[in-house]
Protein backbone atom coordinates (compact mmCIF):
# COMPACT_ATOMS: atom_id res chain seq x y z
CA UNK A 1 2.77 31.68 -34.89
CA UNK A 2 -0.32 29.56 -34.41
CA UNK A 3 1.85 26.44 -34.45
CA UNK A 4 4.08 27.88 -31.73
CA UNK A 5 1.05 28.51 -29.55
CA UNK A 6 -0.19 24.97 -30.17
CA UNK A 7 3.24 23.57 -29.29
CA UNK A 8 3.42 25.65 -26.11
CA UNK A 9 -0.05 24.50 -25.06
CA UNK A 10 0.82 20.89 -25.82
CA UNK A 11 4.04 21.22 -23.81
CA UNK A 12 2.13 22.70 -20.86
CA UNK A 13 -0.36 19.85 -21.02
CA UNK A 14 2.36 17.20 -21.13
CA UNK A 15 4.26 18.82 -18.26
CA UNK A 16 1.05 19.05 -16.24
CA UNK A 17 0.25 15.39 -16.83
CA UNK A 18 3.79 14.41 -15.90
CA UNK A 19 3.65 16.39 -12.66
CA UNK A 20 0.28 14.85 -11.81
CA UNK A 21 1.69 11.38 -12.48
CA UNK A 22 4.66 12.13 -10.21
CA UNK A 23 2.27 13.14 -7.41
CA UNK A 24 0.28 9.94 -7.89
CA UNK A 25 3.46 7.84 -7.78
CA UNK A 26 4.53 9.50 -4.53
CA UNK A 27 1.09 8.89 -3.04
CA UNK A 28 1.17 5.23 -4.06
CA UNK A 29 4.70 4.85 -2.66
CA UNK A 30 3.50 6.21 0.71
CA UNK A 31 0.56 3.80 0.68
CA UNK A 32 2.88 0.91 -0.19
CA UNK A 33 5.20 1.82 2.67
CA UNK A 34 2.24 1.91 5.05
CA UNK A 35 1.06 -1.50 3.88
CA UNK A 36 4.56 -2.94 4.17
CA UNK A 37 4.84 -1.61 7.73
CA UNK A 38 1.46 -3.10 8.63
CA UNK A 39 2.50 -6.41 7.11
CA UNK A 40 5.66 -6.45 9.23
CA UNK A 41 3.64 -5.71 12.37
CA UNK A 42 1.21 -8.52 11.57
CA UNK A 43 4.05 -10.97 10.96
CA UNK A 44 5.70 -10.01 14.25
CA UNK A 45 2.44 -10.32 16.17
CA UNK A 46 1.68 -13.67 14.56
CA UNK A 47 5.14 -14.97 15.42
CA UNK A 48 4.73 -13.84 19.02
CA UNK A 49 1.26 -15.32 19.25
CA UNK A 50 2.48 -18.64 17.88
CA UNK A 51 5.06 -18.76 20.67
CA UNK A 52 2.20 -18.59 23.17
CA UNK A 53 0.05 -21.12 21.35
CA UNK A 54 0.77 -24.77 21.04
CA UNK A 55 1.37 -25.56 17.40
CA UNK A 56 -1.97 -27.21 16.90
CA UNK A 57 -4.67 -26.89 14.29
CA UNK A 58 -6.85 -25.15 16.86
CA UNK A 59 -4.20 -22.51 17.53
CA UNK A 60 -3.64 -21.87 13.84
CA UNK A 61 -7.38 -21.63 13.15
CA UNK A 62 -7.79 -19.12 15.96
CA UNK A 63 -4.97 -16.95 14.65
CA UNK A 64 -6.19 -17.13 11.06
CA UNK A 65 -9.66 -16.04 12.14
CA UNK A 66 -8.28 -13.26 14.30
CA UNK A 67 -6.11 -11.79 11.56
CA UNK A 68 -8.79 -12.13 8.91
CA UNK A 69 -11.23 -10.17 11.06
CA UNK A 70 -8.52 -7.65 11.92
CA UNK A 71 -7.55 -7.13 8.28
CA UNK A 72 -11.16 -6.51 7.25
CA UNK A 73 -10.90 -3.20 9.11
CA UNK A 74 -8.33 -1.94 6.58
């Protein structure tokens, strides 16, 4: 009887850990999706900005500085 109780408690603990891990995976998947979306937006904006800028070192340096300062907010 005592072994059955131990097994039931162990099963509950394992199930609880598994459910918690599933929640964490879902949370991380949402965060990844958000980061992927932000990355796409940044790439689009950079491409558009490069169309407006001459392809010079000065233009690239400006954009690199802009995006670095923008990304520090995240």
